[in-house]
Protein backbone atom coordinates (compact mmCIF):
# COMPACT_ATOMS: atom_id res chain seq x y z
CA MET A 1 -84.60 178.70 -65.75
CA SER A 2 -86.43 180.32 -62.81
CA THR A 3 -85.35 183.59 -61.26
CA GLU A 4 -85.55 181.90 -57.85
CA LYS A 5 -82.96 179.28 -58.81
CA LEU A 6 -80.66 181.90 -60.29
CA GLU A 7 -80.79 184.01 -57.14
CA ARG A 8 -80.16 180.92 -55.03
CA ALA A 9 -77.05 180.08 -57.02
CA LYS A 10 -75.74 183.65 -56.72
CA ALA A 11 -76.38 183.61 -52.97
CA ILE A 12 -74.40 180.36 -52.60
CA GLN A 13 -71.56 181.84 -54.64
CA ALA A 14 -71.55 184.98 -52.48
CA ALA A 15 -71.57 182.93 -49.26
CA LEU A 16 -68.22 181.28 -49.98
CA PRO A 17 -65.81 181.95 -47.09
CA GLU A 18 -63.26 184.67 -47.73
CA GLY A 19 -60.21 183.04 -49.32
CA GLY A 20 -62.25 180.06 -50.47
CA LEU A 21 -62.13 176.47 -49.24
CA PHE A 22 -59.44 175.12 -51.58
CA HIS A 23 -56.16 176.91 -52.23
CA GLU A 24 -56.13 178.26 -55.80
CA LYS A 25 -58.95 175.94 -56.88
CA SER A 26 -62.51 176.64 -57.92
CA TRP A 27 -65.57 174.78 -59.11
CA ARG A 28 -68.93 175.40 -60.72
CA VAL A 29 -71.66 176.44 -58.29
CA SER A 30 -75.16 175.03 -58.62
CA PRO A 31 -78.46 176.16 -57.11
CA ASP A 32 -79.40 172.57 -56.29
CA ALA A 33 -77.96 169.71 -54.26
CA PHE A 34 -77.53 166.39 -56.06
CA PRO A 35 -80.66 164.25 -55.56
CA LEU A 36 -80.39 160.69 -54.25
CA ASP A 37 -83.49 158.57 -53.95
CA GLU A 38 -84.27 157.03 -50.58
CA LYS A 39 -83.35 153.54 -51.74
CA LEU A 40 -79.83 154.61 -52.74
CA ALA A 41 -79.46 156.61 -49.53
CA VAL A 42 -80.22 153.46 -47.51
CA GLU A 43 -77.60 151.54 -49.52
CA LEU A 44 -75.04 154.23 -48.76
CA GLU A 45 -75.76 153.93 -45.04
CA LYS A 46 -75.20 150.17 -45.25
CA LEU A 47 -72.01 150.68 -47.25
CA GLY A 48 -70.35 152.48 -44.33
CA TYR A 49 -70.73 149.45 -42.07
CA ARG A 50 -69.60 147.10 -44.83
CA LEU A 51 -66.48 149.14 -45.57
CA THR A 52 -65.65 149.29 -41.87
CA LEU A 53 -65.72 145.50 -41.80
CA PHE A 54 -63.64 145.42 -44.99
CA VAL A 55 -60.87 147.66 -43.61
CA ARG A 56 -60.83 145.70 -40.35
CA ALA A 57 -60.43 142.51 -42.37
CA CYS A 58 -57.59 144.11 -44.37
CA ASN A 59 -55.86 144.98 -41.10
CA GLN A 60 -56.40 141.43 -39.87
CA LEU A 61 -55.06 139.86 -43.05
CA TYR A 62 -51.89 141.93 -42.85
CA ARG A 63 -51.34 140.97 -39.20
CA PHE A 64 -52.03 137.30 -39.93
CA SER A 65 -49.53 137.41 -42.78
CA VAL A 66 -46.88 138.92 -40.50
CA ASN A 67 -47.36 136.29 -37.77
CA GLY A 68 -47.59 133.31 -40.13
CA ARG A 69 -51.31 132.56 -39.97
CA GLU A 70 -51.67 133.63 -43.62
CA PRO A 71 -49.08 133.48 -46.45
CA ALA A 72 -46.04 135.72 -45.92
CA TRP A 73 -46.17 137.07 -49.48
CA ILE A 74 -49.19 139.20 -48.58
CA ALA A 75 -47.32 141.37 -46.05
CA ASP A 76 -44.24 141.36 -48.25
CA LEU A 77 -46.29 142.76 -51.13
CA LEU A 78 -47.98 145.41 -48.99
CA ASP A 79 -44.64 146.52 -47.50
CA ARG A 80 -42.85 147.03 -50.81
CA GLY A 81 -41.29 150.44 -51.29
CA LYS A 82 -41.76 151.48 -47.64
CA PRO A 83 -38.86 152.45 -45.33
CA ALA A 84 -38.01 149.87 -42.68
CA GLU A 85 -38.90 152.20 -39.79
CA LEU A 86 -42.42 152.69 -41.12
CA VAL A 87 -42.90 148.96 -41.65
CA ALA A 88 -41.73 148.34 -38.07
CA LEU A 89 -44.06 151.06 -36.77
CA GLN A 90 -47.19 149.61 -38.35
CA ARG A 91 -46.29 146.23 -36.82
CA GLU A 92 -46.16 147.60 -33.26
CA LYS A 93 -48.43 145.63 -30.95
CA SER A 94 -49.86 148.82 -29.50
CA LEU A 95 -51.13 149.76 -32.98
CA ALA A 96 -52.47 146.31 -33.84
CA LEU A 97 -56.13 147.26 -33.76
CA ALA A 98 -55.78 150.92 -34.78
CA MET A 99 -58.12 151.82 -37.64
CA PRO A 100 -58.67 154.88 -39.83
CA ALA A 101 -61.40 157.05 -38.33
CA VAL A 102 -62.62 158.43 -41.67
CA LEU A 103 -63.39 156.28 -44.71
CA ARG A 104 -64.27 157.89 -48.02
CA PRO A 105 -65.03 155.70 -51.01
CA ASP A 106 -65.06 157.25 -54.47
CA LEU A 107 -68.27 155.94 -56.02
CA VAL A 108 -69.10 156.06 -59.71
CA LEU A 109 -72.86 156.21 -60.16
CA THR A 110 -73.85 153.69 -62.83
CA PRO A 111 -77.21 152.76 -64.40
CA GLU A 112 -77.36 149.79 -62.00
CA GLY A 113 -76.29 151.61 -58.83
CA PHE A 114 -72.66 152.38 -58.03
CA ILE A 115 -69.12 151.01 -58.22
CA ILE A 116 -66.32 151.82 -55.75
CA ALA A 117 -63.41 153.19 -57.78
CA GLU A 118 -61.18 153.70 -54.73
CA LEU A 119 -61.23 153.85 -50.94
CA ASP A 120 -59.42 156.76 -49.26
CA ASN A 121 -58.34 156.77 -45.60
CA VAL A 122 -56.85 160.30 -45.68
CA PRO A 123 -59.48 162.16 -47.67
CA GLY A 124 -59.74 165.79 -48.59
CA GLY A 125 -63.10 167.51 -48.87
CA ILE A 126 -64.25 167.17 -45.25
CA GLY A 127 -64.52 170.91 -44.62
CA LEU A 128 -65.92 171.60 -48.08
CA THR A 129 -68.65 168.98 -47.70
CA ALA A 130 -69.50 170.34 -44.24
CA TRP A 131 -69.85 173.87 -45.62
CA LEU A 132 -71.91 172.74 -48.61
CA GLY A 133 -74.19 170.71 -46.36
CA GLN A 134 -74.96 173.72 -44.19
CA ILE A 135 -75.51 176.13 -47.09
CA TYR A 136 -77.80 173.85 -49.11
CA ALA A 137 -79.74 172.80 -46.00
CA GLN A 138 -80.60 176.49 -45.51
CA ASN A 139 -82.18 176.34 -48.97
CA GLY A 140 -84.47 173.50 -47.96
CA SER A 141 -82.50 170.46 -49.16
CA LYS A 142 -82.70 167.31 -47.05
CA ILE A 143 -78.93 166.78 -46.87
CA LEU A 144 -77.65 163.22 -46.59
CA GLY A 145 -76.26 162.96 -43.05
CA GLY A 146 -77.98 166.17 -41.98
CA ALA A 147 -76.94 169.82 -42.12
CA GLU A 148 -74.46 169.30 -39.26
CA GLY A 149 -73.55 165.70 -40.07
CA MET A 150 -69.99 166.37 -41.21
CA LEU A 151 -69.26 168.58 -38.20
CA ASP A 152 -70.77 166.08 -35.78
CA GLY A 153 -68.89 163.21 -37.40
CA PHE A 154 -65.50 164.94 -37.33
CA ALA A 155 -65.99 166.12 -33.75
CA ALA A 156 -66.80 162.53 -32.76
CA ILE A 157 -63.53 161.13 -34.14
CA LEU A 158 -61.46 164.18 -33.07
CA PRO A 159 -63.04 165.51 -29.85
CA GLY A 160 -60.84 168.57 -29.88
CA GLY A 161 -57.24 168.34 -31.06
CA ASP A 162 -54.66 169.29 -33.64
CA ILE A 163 -55.05 168.94 -37.39
CA VAL A 164 -51.59 168.69 -38.94
CA VAL A 165 -51.56 169.73 -42.60
CA SER A 166 -48.46 169.17 -44.71
CA GLU A 167 -47.25 171.28 -47.61
CA GLU A 168 -48.21 168.38 -49.91
CA ALA A 169 -51.81 168.75 -48.70
CA SER A 170 -51.82 172.56 -48.60
CA THR A 171 -54.57 172.75 -51.23
CA TYR A 172 -56.95 171.55 -48.51
CA ARG A 173 -55.68 173.77 -45.70
CA PRO A 174 -58.39 176.46 -46.15
CA GLU A 175 -61.20 173.93 -45.72
CA MET A 176 -59.56 172.53 -42.59
CA GLU A 177 -59.16 176.05 -41.17
CA TRP A 178 -62.84 176.71 -41.85
CA LEU A 179 -63.73 173.38 -40.22
CA ALA A 180 -61.69 174.10 -37.09
CA ALA A 181 -63.12 177.61 -36.78
CA ARG A 182 -66.68 176.34 -37.19
CA LEU A 183 -66.15 173.61 -34.60
CA ASN A 184 -64.62 176.06 -32.15
CA ALA A 185 -67.59 178.40 -32.63
CA SER A 186 -70.26 175.72 -32.24
CA ARG A 187 -68.74 172.97 -30.06
CA SER A 188 -66.80 174.96 -27.46
CA PRO A 189 -66.19 174.33 -24.54
CA PHE A 190 -66.31 170.61 -25.35
CA GLY A 191 -63.09 170.80 -27.36
CA HIS A 192 -60.64 173.07 -29.11
CA TRP A 193 -59.42 172.50 -32.66
CA ARG A 194 -56.24 173.88 -34.23
CA VAL A 195 -54.78 173.61 -37.74
CA LEU A 196 -51.00 173.32 -37.55
CA ASP A 197 -47.98 173.13 -39.81
CA PRO A 198 -46.02 169.85 -39.53
CA GLU A 199 -43.40 171.28 -37.17
CA THR A 200 -42.18 169.91 -33.85
CA ARG A 201 -43.69 171.59 -30.80
CA ASP A 202 -44.16 171.08 -27.07
CA ASP A 203 -47.87 171.81 -26.70
CA TRP A 204 -49.61 169.01 -28.59
CA GLN A 205 -53.18 168.27 -27.62
CA LYS A 206 -54.09 164.67 -26.81
CA HIS A 207 -55.72 164.01 -30.19
CA VAL A 208 -54.01 164.59 -33.55
CA TYR A 209 -55.56 164.28 -37.00
CA ARG A 210 -52.92 163.37 -39.58
CA PHE A 211 -53.59 165.22 -42.80
CA PHE A 212 -50.35 164.25 -44.50
CA GLU A 213 -49.28 161.33 -46.64
CA LEU A 214 -46.86 158.73 -45.29
CA PHE A 215 -44.73 158.81 -48.45
CA ASP A 216 -44.06 162.49 -47.64
CA LEU A 217 -42.55 162.05 -44.15
CA ALA A 218 -39.26 163.67 -45.20
CA ASN A 219 -41.25 166.92 -45.33
CA VAL A 220 -43.04 166.34 -42.02
CA PRO A 221 -40.56 167.34 -39.27
CA CYS A 222 -42.96 166.45 -36.45
CA PHE A 223 -43.36 162.82 -37.53
CA ALA A 224 -40.66 161.44 -35.22
CA GLN A 225 -42.12 163.36 -32.29
CA LEU A 226 -45.67 162.23 -33.04
CA ARG A 227 -44.51 158.63 -33.42
CA GLU A 228 -42.70 158.58 -30.07
CA ASN A 229 -45.49 160.34 -28.19
CA HIS A 230 -48.06 158.07 -29.80
CA LEU A 231 -46.18 154.89 -28.88
CA ALA A 232 -45.74 156.21 -25.35
CA GLY A 233 -49.50 156.63 -25.06
CA GLU A 234 -49.25 160.40 -24.60
CA LEU A 235 -51.43 161.22 -27.61
CA ALA A 236 -53.61 159.49 -30.20
CA VAL A 237 -53.01 159.90 -33.92
CA THR A 238 -55.57 159.17 -36.62
CA PRO A 239 -55.37 157.91 -39.32
CA PRO A 240 -52.85 155.46 -37.82
CA PHE A 241 -49.34 155.13 -39.20
CA LYS A 242 -50.27 152.11 -41.31
CA PRO A 243 -49.24 152.50 -44.96
CA ALA A 244 -50.41 148.96 -45.73
CA LEU A 245 -54.02 150.05 -45.17
CA GLU A 246 -53.64 152.87 -47.71
CA GLU A 247 -52.78 150.62 -50.65
CA LYS A 248 -55.19 150.30 -53.56
CA MET A 249 -54.18 146.67 -54.07
CA TRP A 250 -56.66 145.58 -51.40
CA PHE A 251 -59.31 145.41 -54.12
CA ALA A 252 -57.10 142.95 -56.02
CA LEU A 253 -56.52 140.88 -52.86
CA PHE A 254 -60.28 140.86 -52.26
CA TRP A 255 -60.80 139.10 -55.60
CA LEU A 256 -57.99 136.53 -55.28
CA LYS A 257 -59.46 133.04 -55.24
CA PRO A 258 -56.92 131.65 -52.71
CA LEU A 259 -58.06 134.30 -50.20
CA GLU A 260 -61.80 133.82 -50.72
CA ASP A 261 -62.30 131.75 -47.57
CA PHE A 262 -60.58 134.43 -45.48
CA TRP A 263 -62.81 137.22 -46.78
CA ARG A 264 -65.99 135.19 -46.40
CA ARG A 265 -65.08 134.29 -42.84
CA GLU A 266 -64.01 137.77 -41.74
CA LEU A 267 -66.75 139.73 -43.52
CA GLY A 268 -69.60 137.30 -43.19
CA GLU A 269 -71.44 135.88 -46.18
CA ARG A 270 -73.91 138.75 -46.60
CA THR A 271 -71.27 141.52 -46.53
CA TRP A 272 -68.92 139.53 -48.76
CA LEU A 273 -71.62 139.11 -51.40
CA ALA A 274 -72.67 142.76 -51.14
CA LEU A 275 -69.10 144.00 -51.65
CA ARG A 276 -68.58 141.72 -54.65
CA LYS A 277 -71.33 143.71 -56.37
CA VAL A 278 -69.64 147.08 -55.87
CA ILE A 279 -65.87 146.41 -55.79
CA PRO A 280 -64.64 146.28 -59.39
CA TYR A 281 -62.65 143.25 -60.45
CA THR A 282 -59.00 144.14 -59.95
CA TRP A 283 -55.71 142.45 -60.90
CA LEU A 284 -52.23 142.72 -59.42
CA VAL A 285 -49.86 143.65 -62.24
CA ASP A 286 -47.42 140.91 -61.26
CA PRO A 287 -44.64 140.01 -63.74
CA GLU A 288 -44.30 136.45 -62.41
CA PRO A 289 -44.79 134.06 -65.41
CA LEU A 290 -47.89 131.89 -65.29
CA PRO A 291 -47.79 128.09 -65.57
CA ARG A 292 -48.33 126.87 -69.10
CA HIS A 293 -51.96 125.89 -68.49
CA ALA A 294 -52.97 129.06 -66.59
CA VAL A 295 -54.58 132.35 -67.68
CA LEU A 296 -55.16 135.70 -66.03
CA PRO A 297 -58.72 135.42 -64.66
CA ARG A 298 -61.40 137.21 -66.69
CA LEU A 299 -58.77 138.60 -69.07
CA GLU A 300 -58.42 135.05 -70.43
CA THR A 301 -54.83 135.61 -71.54
CA HIS A 302 -51.64 133.79 -70.63
CA SER A 303 -49.42 136.86 -70.21
CA TRP A 304 -49.37 140.62 -69.73
CA GLU A 305 -47.76 140.88 -73.12
CA GLU A 306 -51.02 139.66 -74.60
CA VAL A 307 -52.93 142.24 -72.53
CA GLY A 308 -50.67 144.87 -74.09
CA ARG A 309 -51.91 143.77 -77.51
CA PHE A 310 -55.59 144.18 -76.61
CA SER A 311 -57.63 146.23 -79.05
CA GLN A 312 -59.06 149.55 -77.92
CA LYS A 313 -62.47 147.92 -77.46
CA GLN A 314 -60.94 145.29 -75.16
CA ARG A 315 -59.16 147.88 -73.06
CA ALA A 316 -61.99 149.00 -70.76
CA LEU A 317 -59.34 149.00 -68.07
CA ILE A 318 -57.61 151.42 -65.70
CA LEU A 319 -53.96 151.10 -64.66
CA LYS A 320 -53.01 152.62 -61.28
CA ILE A 321 -50.06 152.70 -58.94
CA SER A 322 -51.16 151.01 -55.71
CA GLY A 323 -49.81 153.44 -53.14
CA PHE A 324 -46.95 155.09 -51.22
CA SER A 325 -46.13 157.51 -53.99
CA GLU A 326 -46.85 161.11 -54.86
CA ASN A 327 -48.56 159.69 -57.96
CA ALA A 328 -50.97 157.53 -55.95
CA TRP A 329 -53.63 160.14 -55.16
CA GLY A 330 -55.98 162.32 -57.17
CA SER A 331 -55.84 161.51 -60.86
CA ARG A 332 -52.05 161.21 -60.85
CA GLY A 333 -50.54 157.94 -62.00
CA VAL A 334 -53.83 156.76 -63.54
CA ILE A 335 -53.90 155.47 -67.13
CA MET A 336 -57.23 155.01 -68.88
CA ALA A 337 -56.25 152.24 -71.29
CA GLN A 338 -58.84 153.07 -73.96
CA ASP A 339 -57.68 156.68 -74.15
CA VAL A 340 -54.05 156.03 -75.14
CA PRO A 341 -52.59 154.57 -78.36
CA GLN A 342 -51.66 150.90 -78.18
CA LYS A 343 -47.93 151.67 -78.20
CA LYS A 344 -48.35 153.99 -75.22
CA TRP A 345 -50.52 151.39 -73.48
CA GLN A 346 -47.80 148.76 -73.94
CA GLU A 347 -45.15 151.15 -72.59
CA GLU A 348 -47.19 151.96 -69.49
CA LEU A 349 -47.93 148.29 -68.83
CA ARG A 350 -44.23 147.39 -69.16
CA ARG A 351 -43.31 150.22 -66.82
CA ALA A 352 -45.81 149.01 -64.23
CA LEU A 353 -44.49 145.45 -64.47
CA GLY A 354 -40.94 146.74 -64.04
CA GLU A 355 -41.87 148.62 -60.85
CA PHE A 356 -43.55 145.65 -59.17
CA GLY A 357 -40.66 145.20 -56.74
CA THR A 358 -40.94 148.70 -55.29
CA HIS A 359 -44.23 150.24 -56.47
CA PRO A 360 -46.81 147.58 -57.32
CA HIS A 361 -49.59 148.54 -59.74
CA ILE A 362 -53.12 147.30 -60.19
CA LEU A 363 -55.35 146.94 -63.23
CA GLN A 364 -59.05 147.56 -62.72
CA GLN A 365 -62.21 147.07 -64.72
CA PHE A 366 -63.59 150.39 -65.95
CA HIS A 367 -67.28 151.10 -65.35
CA GLN A 368 -68.87 153.98 -67.26
CA GLY A 369 -70.90 156.36 -65.13
CA ARG A 370 -74.51 157.08 -65.97
CA LEU A 371 -75.42 160.44 -67.47
CA VAL A 372 -77.18 163.15 -65.47
CA GLU A 373 -78.08 166.79 -66.08
CA HIS A 374 -77.47 169.52 -63.52
CA ASP A 375 -77.69 173.32 -63.50
CA TRP A 376 -74.74 175.59 -62.73
CA LEU A 377 -74.01 179.32 -62.52
CA ASP A 378 -71.99 180.73 -65.40
CA GLU A 379 -70.13 183.60 -63.70
CA SER A 380 -69.08 185.10 -67.04
CA THR A 381 -72.70 185.75 -68.04
CA GLY A 382 -74.52 185.63 -64.72
CA ASP A 383 -76.92 183.02 -66.11
CA LEU A 384 -77.74 179.44 -65.23
CA ARG A 385 -76.64 176.76 -67.66
CA ARG A 386 -77.35 173.04 -67.76
CA MET A 387 -74.51 170.52 -67.95
CA ARG A 388 -74.67 166.90 -69.02
CA GLY A 389 -72.24 164.89 -66.94
CA ARG A 390 -71.27 161.88 -64.88
CA VAL A 391 -71.08 161.72 -61.10
CA ARG A 392 -68.41 160.77 -58.61
CA LEU A 393 -70.12 160.47 -55.24
CA CYS A 394 -67.95 160.59 -52.10
CA PRO A 395 -69.74 159.69 -48.86
CA TYR A 396 -67.76 160.36 -45.68
CA TYR A 397 -67.98 157.68 -43.00
CA PHE A 398 -66.86 158.42 -39.47
CA VAL A 399 -65.84 155.24 -37.67
CA GLY A 400 -66.42 154.97 -33.92
CA GLU A 401 -65.86 152.09 -31.55
CA LYS A 402 -69.40 150.78 -32.01
CA HIS A 403 -70.93 152.60 -34.96
CA THR A 404 -70.03 153.97 -38.39
CA VAL A 405 -71.94 157.11 -39.34
CA CYS A 406 -72.33 158.78 -42.72
CA GLY A 407 -71.78 162.50 -42.15
CA GLY A 408 -72.59 163.53 -45.70
CA ALA A 409 -71.58 163.05 -49.32
CA LEU A 410 -69.93 165.25 -51.92
CA ALA A 411 -71.14 164.91 -55.51
CA THR A 412 -68.66 165.89 -58.21
CA ILE A 413 -70.46 166.20 -61.54
CA CYS A 414 -67.96 166.15 -64.39
CA PRO A 415 -68.63 166.98 -68.05
CA ASP A 416 -69.78 163.93 -69.99
CA ASP A 417 -66.62 163.80 -72.12
CA LYS A 418 -64.49 163.03 -69.03
CA LYS A 419 -63.86 159.37 -68.18
CA LEU A 420 -61.79 159.98 -65.05
CA LEU A 421 -64.09 161.69 -62.56
CA HIS A 422 -62.34 164.01 -60.13
CA GLY A 423 -62.40 167.58 -58.89
CA MET A 424 -61.71 170.01 -61.72
CA THR A 425 -62.47 173.63 -62.59
CA ASP A 426 -65.29 172.67 -64.97
CA ALA A 427 -66.95 170.26 -62.51
CA ILE A 428 -69.99 171.04 -60.37
CA LEU A 429 -69.51 170.36 -56.65
CA VAL A 430 -72.62 169.98 -54.49
CA PRO A 431 -73.74 167.97 -51.47
CA ALA A 432 -76.00 164.95 -51.86
CA ALA A 433 -79.59 165.32 -50.72
CA VAL A 434 -82.27 162.69 -50.17
CA VAL A 435 -85.47 162.87 -52.22
CA PRO A 436 -88.41 160.47 -52.45
CA THR A 437 -87.71 157.38 -54.54
CA GLY A 438 -88.45 158.15 -58.17
CA ASP A 439 -87.49 161.85 -57.93
CA SER A 440 -83.73 161.37 -58.45
CA ARG A 441 -82.02 161.48 -61.84
C-alpha cells in the first residue's frame, strides 16, 4: 500500500466534522471513492428519469383506484394500517399531483449490472453523501453528480426552508445540520436553511422538508399545524403526506399481470422494459386461497404453505413488511429466507400472512451482489487494509418540475459474508466516482 494513499485516508478521517455526521454511528474510511465505469454512470442517469416516471405512475394508479378508474382493491391494500385522517389527507385534491422531491433507490451491484432492492422517498444520507463528494473531489476523484451536486440538488428542491427532524430520525440530525450550515455558508442570500425539532411554532418558512416517518406522527407535535398550513397554501411540504407512495408493495404491483397494460401505458414501452430488468420479481404475501388450477407465479406452488416447505436452496427470497411501521426501514423487519431454519421460516411466513389485513408483507427474489475489493483505514493500527465485499449503491435523484438530476451516489461496501447490505460499523462508506470504462471493479 502506498504512503500517499495512507496519508489520504488519514486526512479524510481527520476532516470529519466535529461531532460526526451520524449520531453514535461510524464507518470505515477509505482513501478512494468507489469507481463506476462511464457506461454504468450513464445508466444511473437514465434510472433517475425512469424512477420519476414510475413514482408518478404509482401516484396515478392510486388516484385511479380511489375514483373508480382502476380496481378499488388497489387503494384498499395501500391504505391498510393507516389512520383515517392520513388516508383522507393523501386523497385531498390539492395534493393530487404532489410528488416526493428526492428519490433514492438502494441498488445491489450484480455481475450483470444492478438490481433495485428498495426505493426510498424519505432517505437518510443526503448530508453525508454531500460531504463525501466534496472531500473526495478535493483528492482528484471525478464524483458522480459533481463535487457540489448534492448541495445543488437539495437547494433546488428546498430553496431555503425548514428541515424538520424527528426523534425517530435523530441518527441523521448531524448530517442535516452540516448540510444546512454548508448551504447557508455557500448559497446565502438566496435562501436560509434551518434544522428544527418537530414542535409547533409561529415562524415557519414557506418550504418545509419532512424528515420524519408518517407512522411516527404521534411523536411529531407540529404535524397538525403543517397539515393545515399546507392545505391552506401557506407553505409547501416535501415529501408530501402520502403514505401510499412509501409502500414497498409497489414492486409487487408492478409485476402483477392484470396491471401490465396500465404500467406499459403510463411508463411507455421503453421505460417499462428497462424497469423490468432492474426491479426484482416481487409477490404480495396475500393469504387469499388460490383457485384449484392456479399457482403463485414463478414460485410454481399452489399455496404459501408449500412455500414454507421450500428447501434452503429454493429459498433465495427476502420477506419484508411493506410499510407504515417502525420495522419498515433500514434492515428492520427483513427476513433472509436462506439464513433461517425452516421452522423459523415457516413461522415468519405465517406471521406475515396473519398481518395482511393491517401490515401487508412482500416476498422478493434475492440477487447476490458481485464481489469487489476496496481499501480502508484500520484506526487500531494506523494501516491500510483491503476488504472483500459487496456493494449497495444509493444514487440520490432530485426531482424538479421538468428534470430529474442525480446529485451523487453513496457506496456502502459491506463484508462479503453479509447478505443484507446496509450501513454498519464494519462497512466502508464512500462516494461513487466515474472512471473510464474498463477501469471499474
